[in-house]
C-alpha atoms as a PDB file:
ATOM      1  CA  MET A   1      93.874 126.394  80.002  1.00  0.00           C
ATOM      2  CA  THR A   2      91.490 124.012  81.736  1.00  0.00           C
ATOM      3  CA  VAL A   3      91.256 123.260  85.448  1.00  0.00           C
ATOM      4  CA  ARG A   4      92.503 119.720  84.846  1.00  0.00           C
ATOM      5  CA  ARG A   5      95.742 121.108  83.444  1.00  0.00           C
ATOM      6  CA  PHE A   6      96.602 123.581  86.200  1.00  0.00           C
ATOM      7  CA  ALA A   7      94.975 122.059  89.301  1.00  0.00           C
ATOM      8  CA  PRO A   8      97.577 119.352  90.023  1.00  0.00           C
ATOM      9  CA  LYS A   9     100.470 121.819  89.927  1.00  0.00           C
ATOM     10  CA  PHE A  10      98.478 124.404  91.880  1.00  0.00           C
ATOM     11  CA  LEU A  11      97.578 121.949  94.641  1.00  0.00           C
ATOM     12  CA  GLU A  12     101.152 120.679  94.947  1.00  0.00           C
ATOM     13  CA  SER A  13     102.644 124.188  94.986  1.00  0.00           C
ATOM     14  CA  PHE A  14     100.955 125.494  98.112  1.00  0.00           C
ATOM     15  CA  THR A  15     100.577 124.510 101.723  1.00  0.00           C
ATOM     16  CA  PHE A  16      96.970 125.050 102.739  1.00  0.00           C
ATOM     17  CA  GLN A  17      95.755 125.940 106.212  1.00  0.00           C
ATOM     18  CA  ALA A  18      92.267 126.396 107.556  1.00  0.00           C
ATOM     19  CA  SER A  19      90.394 126.884 110.780  1.00  0.00           C
ATOM     20  CA  ALA A  20      89.127 123.762 112.547  1.00  0.00           C
ATOM     21  CA  ASN A  21      85.617 124.200 111.147  1.00  0.00           C
ATOM     22  CA  ASN A  22      87.023 123.869 107.609  1.00  0.00           C
ATOM     23  CA  HIS A  23      88.803 120.564 108.164  1.00  0.00           C
ATOM     24  CA  ALA A  24      86.645 118.900 105.483  1.00  0.00           C
ATOM     25  CA  LEU A  25      87.964 121.314 102.851  1.00  0.00           C
ATOM     26  CA  LEU A  26      91.558 120.478 103.774  1.00  0.00           C
ATOM     27  CA  CYS A  27      90.722 116.780 103.526  1.00  0.00           C
ATOM     28  CA  ALA A  28      89.195 117.367 100.092  1.00  0.00           C
ATOM     29  CA  LEU A  29      92.300 119.202  98.859  1.00  0.00           C
ATOM     30  CA  ASP A  30      94.515 116.401 100.171  1.00  0.00           C
ATOM     31  CA  LEU A  31      92.309 113.839  98.440  1.00  0.00           C
ATOM     32  CA  LEU A  32      92.605 115.746  95.166  1.00  0.00           C
ATOM     33  CA  LYS A  33      96.381 115.847  95.518  1.00  0.00           C
ATOM     34  CA  ARG A  34      96.463 112.058  95.925  1.00  0.00           C
ATOM     35  CA  LEU A  35      94.082 111.494  93.016  1.00  0.00           C
ATOM     36  CA  ASN A  36      96.127 113.781  90.770  1.00  0.00           C
ATOM     37  CA  ARG A  37      99.264 111.740  91.450  1.00  0.00           C
ATOM     38  CA  GLU A  38      97.393 108.782  89.946  1.00  0.00           C
ATOM     39  CA  PRO A  39      95.286 110.477  87.237  1.00  0.00           C
ATOM     40  CA  HIS A  40      93.393 107.371  86.139  1.00  0.00           C
ATOM     41  CA  ARG A  41      92.418 106.353  89.650  1.00  0.00           C
ATOM     42  CA  PRO A  42      88.657 106.604  90.144  1.00  0.00           C
ATOM     43  CA  MET A  43      87.215 108.473  93.087  1.00  0.00           C
ATOM     44  CA  SER A  44      86.003 105.844  95.513  1.00  0.00           C
ATOM     45  CA  GLY A  45      84.356 105.902  98.890  1.00  0.00           C
ATOM     46  CA  LYS A  46      82.697 108.993 100.240  1.00  0.00           C
ATOM     47  CA  PRO A  47      84.821 112.103  99.802  1.00  0.00           C
ATOM     48  CA  PRO A  48      84.109 115.025 102.151  1.00  0.00           C
ATOM     49  CA  LEU A  49      81.244 117.196 100.928  1.00  0.00           C
ATOM     50  CA  SER A  50      80.287 119.160 104.043  1.00  0.00           C
ATOM     51  CA  PHE A  51      82.426 122.144 103.010  1.00  0.00           C
ATOM     52  CA  LEU A  52      80.397 122.643  99.830  1.00  0.00           C
ATOM     53  CA  PRO A  53      77.312 124.829  99.631  1.00  0.00           C
ATOM     54  CA  LYS A  54      74.125 122.797  98.997  1.00  0.00           C
ATOM     55  CA  ALA A  55      73.932 123.919  95.367  1.00  0.00           C
ATOM     56  CA  TRP A  56      77.431 122.561  94.693  1.00  0.00           C
ATOM     57  CA  ARG A  57      76.651 119.313  96.531  1.00  0.00           C
ATOM     58  CA  ARG A  58      73.638 118.704  94.290  1.00  0.00           C
ATOM     59  CA  LEU A  59      75.811 119.131  91.193  1.00  0.00           C
ATOM     60  CA  VAL A  60      78.778 117.111  92.445  1.00  0.00           C
ATOM     61  CA  ALA A  61      76.997 114.148  94.046  1.00  0.00           C
ATOM     62  CA  LYS A  62      74.855 112.241  91.565  1.00  0.00           C
ATOM     63  CA  ASP A  63      73.638 108.679  91.213  1.00  0.00           C
ATOM     64  CA  GLY A  64      75.222 107.578  94.495  1.00  0.00           C
ATOM     65  CA  GLY A  65      78.679 108.751  93.464  1.00  0.00           C
ATOM     66  CA  VAL A  66      80.754 111.885  93.091  1.00  0.00           C
ATOM     67  CA  ASP A  67      81.796 113.409  89.773  1.00  0.00           C
ATOM     68  CA  ARG A  68      85.555 113.838  90.167  1.00  0.00           C
ATOM     69  CA  ARG A  69      85.883 116.758  87.746  1.00  0.00           C
ATOM     70  CA  LEU A  70      83.012 118.710  89.275  1.00  0.00           C
ATOM     71  CA  TYR A  71      84.314 117.913  92.761  1.00  0.00           C
ATOM     72  CA  GLU A  72      87.721 119.336  91.880  1.00  0.00           C
ATOM     73  CA  ILE A  73      86.224 122.508  90.422  1.00  0.00           C
ATOM     74  CA  ALA A  74      83.934 122.939  93.430  1.00  0.00           C
ATOM     75  CA  ALA A  75      86.754 122.433  95.951  1.00  0.00           C
ATOM     76  CA  LEU A  76      88.971 124.953  94.182  1.00  0.00           C
ATOM     77  CA  ALA A  77      86.099 127.419  93.868  1.00  0.00           C
ATOM     78  CA  VAL A  78      85.302 127.464  97.583  1.00  0.00           C
ATOM     79  CA  THR A  79      88.918 127.891  98.742  1.00  0.00           C
ATOM     80  CA  ASP A  80      88.487 131.619  98.325  1.00  0.00           C
ATOM     81  CA  GLU A  81      84.946 132.050  99.673  1.00  0.00           C
ATOM     82  CA  PRO A  82      84.216 133.548 103.083  1.00  0.00           C
ATOM     83  CA  ALA A  83      83.122 131.041 105.724  1.00  0.00           C
ATOM     84  CA  GLY A  84      79.389 130.492 105.843  1.00  0.00           C
ATOM     85  CA  GLY A  85      78.864 132.581 102.717  1.00  0.00           C
ATOM     86  CA  SER A  86      78.839 135.834 104.704  1.00  0.00           C
ATOM     87  CA  PRO A  87      81.348 138.625 104.127  1.00  0.00           C
ATOM     88  CA  GLN A  88      84.316 138.377 106.441  1.00  0.00           C
ATOM     89  CA  PRO A  89      87.731 139.995 106.382  1.00  0.00           C
ATOM     90  CA  THR A  90      89.508 136.659 105.981  1.00  0.00           C
ATOM     91  CA  THR A  91      88.747 133.562 103.963  1.00  0.00           C
ATOM     92  CA  PRO A  92      88.266 130.172 105.605  1.00  0.00           C
ATOM     93  CA  ILE A  93      91.394 128.827 104.050  1.00  0.00           C
ATOM     94  CA  ALA A  94      94.655 130.729 103.910  1.00  0.00           C
ATOM     95  CA  TRP A  95      97.191 130.072 101.229  1.00  0.00           C
ATOM     96  CA  MET A  96     100.667 130.379 102.572  1.00  0.00           C
ATOM     97  CA  ALA A  97     102.974 132.444 100.414  1.00  0.00           C
ATOM     98  CA  GLN A  98     105.578 129.787 100.769  1.00  0.00           C
ATOM     99  CA  VAL A  99     105.833 127.458  97.801  1.00  0.00           C
ATOM    100  CA  ASN A 100     106.699 123.823  98.530  1.00  0.00           C
END
């Protein structure tokens, strides 16, 4: 199963929370939810990128735009990484056990 097939349901099934310094990640997840409701809608404007490590940013942002598929994969990948890339007992974003 590909990310494109499970990501919309995954994003709609959980309520995400994060500390204030991870607001950009929450904005990115909300953006992805909206884009997934209209699957053929192109990504326009400047989506938040500050939550991504530099290596991800270089892959996602190319030619003055953002690759929607890579952006989605990157956002989902970092939801479970410790803040700042250093080991910590909690992740920067907490998935609530409660399903919408």
